[in-house]
Amino acid sequence: MGSLDCNVIWLIFRVMYEDTNLNSNEIDEAYFISKNKNKFCYSEWITRLINKSNRFDVNKAIIGDLDFEECSDFVISF
């Protein structure tokens, strides 16, 4: 786990998945971009949290550490 990065941008996407029987399942997925660490990350933990609670109160949930180990590097100008 990395330390809390104060320059995090959260992105919440509503995603629709379809299985082979054309059954659809809609969920919200949480991603974050860390400006300081140049990382783009999918947050499985926050995704589960917002889908379980049906609310977007992720700021209170991330007080602590964010996991940057499974993130992708990115190059972007802010």
C-alpha atoms as a PDB file:
ATOM      1  CA  MET A   1       0.000   0.000   0.000  1.00  0.00           C
ATOM      2  CA  GLY A   2       1.204   3.468  -0.823  1.00  0.00           C
ATOM      3  CA  SER A   3       0.675   6.515   1.297  1.00  0.00           C
ATOM      4  CA  LEU A   4      -2.353   8.754   0.823  1.00  0.00           C
ATOM      5  CA  ASP A   5      -1.871  10.923  -2.257  1.00  0.00           C
ATOM      6  CA  CYS A   6      -3.585  14.300  -1.855  1.00  0.00           C
ATOM      7  CA  ASN A   7      -3.656  14.905  -5.621  1.00  0.00           C
ATOM      8  CA  VAL A   8      -6.088  12.166  -6.584  1.00  0.00           C
ATOM      9  CA  ILE A   9      -8.803  12.598  -9.193  1.00  0.00           C
ATOM     10  CA  TRP A  10     -11.693  10.135  -8.874  1.00  0.00           C
ATOM     11  CA  LEU A  11     -13.597   8.868 -11.916  1.00  0.00           C
ATOM     12  CA  ILE A  12     -16.823   6.916 -11.461  1.00  0.00           C
ATOM     13  CA  PHE A  13     -18.171   5.144 -14.545  1.00  0.00           C
ATOM     14  CA  ARG A  14     -21.526   3.412 -14.910  1.00  0.00           C
ATOM     15  CA  VAL A  15     -20.719   0.261 -16.889  1.00  0.00           C
ATOM     16  CA  MET A  16     -23.084  -2.241 -18.492  1.00  0.00           C
ATOM     17  CA  TYR A  17     -21.845  -5.798 -18.945  1.00  0.00           C
ATOM     18  CA  GLU A  18     -23.603  -8.432 -21.041  1.00  0.00           C
ATOM     19  CA  ASP A  19     -23.108 -12.169 -20.725  1.00  0.00           C
ATOM     20  CA  THR A  20     -23.351 -14.673 -23.566  1.00  0.00           C
ATOM     21  CA  ASN A  21     -27.114 -15.005 -22.963  1.00  0.00           C
ATOM     22  CA  LEU A  22     -27.487 -11.230 -23.450  1.00  0.00           C
ATOM     23  CA  ASN A  23     -28.349 -10.691 -19.792  1.00  0.00           C
ATOM     24  CA  SER A  24     -27.169  -7.251 -18.782  1.00  0.00           C
ATOM     25  CA  ASN A  25     -25.700  -6.164 -15.481  1.00  0.00           C
ATOM     26  CA  GLU A  26     -25.075  -2.498 -14.699  1.00  0.00           C
ATOM     27  CA  ILE A  27     -22.515  -1.484 -12.079  1.00  0.00           C
ATOM     28  CA  ASP A  28     -20.489   1.571 -11.131  1.00  0.00           C
ATOM     29  CA  GLU A  29     -16.707   1.272 -11.372  1.00  0.00           C
ATOM     30  CA  ALA A  30     -14.253   3.504  -9.535  1.00  0.00           C
ATOM     31  CA  TYR A  31     -10.939   4.594 -11.009  1.00  0.00           C
ATOM     32  CA  PHE A  32      -8.470   7.160  -9.797  1.00  0.00           C
ATOM     33  CA  ILE A  33      -5.611   9.135 -11.261  1.00  0.00           C
ATOM     34  CA  SER A  34      -2.710  10.142  -9.065  1.00  0.00           C
ATOM     35  CA  LYS A  35      -0.996  13.283 -10.336  1.00  0.00           C
ATOM     36  CA  ASN A  36       1.972  12.897  -7.977  1.00  0.00           C
ATOM     37  CA  LYS A  37       2.643   9.244  -8.778  1.00  0.00           C
ATOM     38  CA  ASN A  38       1.611   9.340 -12.481  1.00  0.00           C
ATOM     39  CA  LYS A  39      -0.670   6.340 -11.994  1.00  0.00           C
ATOM     40  CA  PHE A  40      -4.077   5.367 -13.397  1.00  0.00           C
ATOM     41  CA  CYS A  41      -5.787   2.842 -11.151  1.00  0.00           C
ATOM     42  CA  TYR A  42      -8.923   0.737 -10.921  1.00  0.00           C
ATOM     43  CA  SER A  43     -10.124   0.491  -7.337  1.00  0.00           C
ATOM     44  CA  GLU A  44     -11.864  -2.830  -6.731  1.00  0.00           C
ATOM     45  CA  TRP A  45     -12.409  -1.954  -3.074  1.00  0.00           C
ATOM     46  CA  ILE A  46     -14.129   1.402  -3.793  1.00  0.00           C
ATOM     47  CA  THR A  47     -16.096  -0.201  -6.650  1.00  0.00           C
ATOM     48  CA  ARG A  48     -17.478  -2.795  -4.226  1.00  0.00           C
ATOM     49  CA  LEU A  49     -18.188  -0.095  -1.636  1.00  0.00           C
ATOM     50  CA  ILE A  50     -20.199   2.190  -3.935  1.00  0.00           C
ATOM     51  CA  ASN A  51     -22.154  -0.693  -5.456  1.00  0.00           C
ATOM     52  CA  LYS A  52     -22.953  -2.114  -2.032  1.00  0.00           C
ATOM     53  CA  SER A  53     -24.052   1.192  -0.504  1.00  0.00           C
ATOM     54  CA  ASN A  54     -25.494   2.767  -3.682  1.00  0.00           C
ATOM     55  CA  ARG A  55     -23.834   6.074  -2.923  1.00  0.00           C
ATOM     56  CA  PHE A  56     -20.794   7.956  -4.111  1.00  0.00           C
ATOM     57  CA  ASP A  57     -19.351   8.845  -0.716  1.00  0.00           C
ATOM     58  CA  VAL A  58     -15.852   7.631  -1.567  1.00  0.00           C
ATOM     59  CA  ASN A  59     -13.976  10.496   0.102  1.00  0.00           C
ATOM     60  CA  LYS A  60     -14.684   9.177   3.614  1.00  0.00           C
ATOM     61  CA  ALA A  61     -13.759   5.658   2.536  1.00  0.00           C
ATOM     62  CA  ILE A  62     -10.262   6.535   1.333  1.00  0.00           C
ATOM     63  CA  ILE A  63      -8.997   8.080   4.542  1.00  0.00           C
ATOM     64  CA  GLY A  64      -5.855   5.992   4.842  1.00  0.00           C
ATOM     65  CA  ASP A  65      -3.800   4.280   2.171  1.00  0.00           C
ATOM     66  CA  LEU A  66      -4.448   3.802  -1.521  1.00  0.00           C
ATOM     67  CA  ASP A  67      -2.961   0.811  -3.314  1.00  0.00           C
ATOM     68  CA  PHE A  68      -0.733   1.934  -6.193  1.00  0.00           C
ATOM     69  CA  GLU A  69       0.943  -1.451  -6.724  1.00  0.00           C
ATOM     70  CA  GLU A  70      -1.486  -2.679  -9.401  1.00  0.00           C
ATOM     71  CA  CYS A  71      -1.781   0.643 -11.212  1.00  0.00           C
ATOM     72  CA  SER A  72      -0.661   1.488 -14.727  1.00  0.00           C
ATOM     73  CA  ASP A  73       1.821   4.233 -15.485  1.00  0.00           C
ATOM     74  CA  PHE A  74       0.524   7.062 -17.607  1.00  0.00           C
ATOM     75  CA  VAL A  75       1.953  10.183 -19.199  1.00  0.00           C
ATOM     76  CA  ILE A  76      -0.365  13.172 -19.259  1.00  0.00           C
ATOM     77  CA  SER A  77      -0.078  16.911 -18.796  1.00  0.00           C
ATOM     78  CA  PHE A  78      -2.264  18.585 -16.206  1.00  0.00           C
END
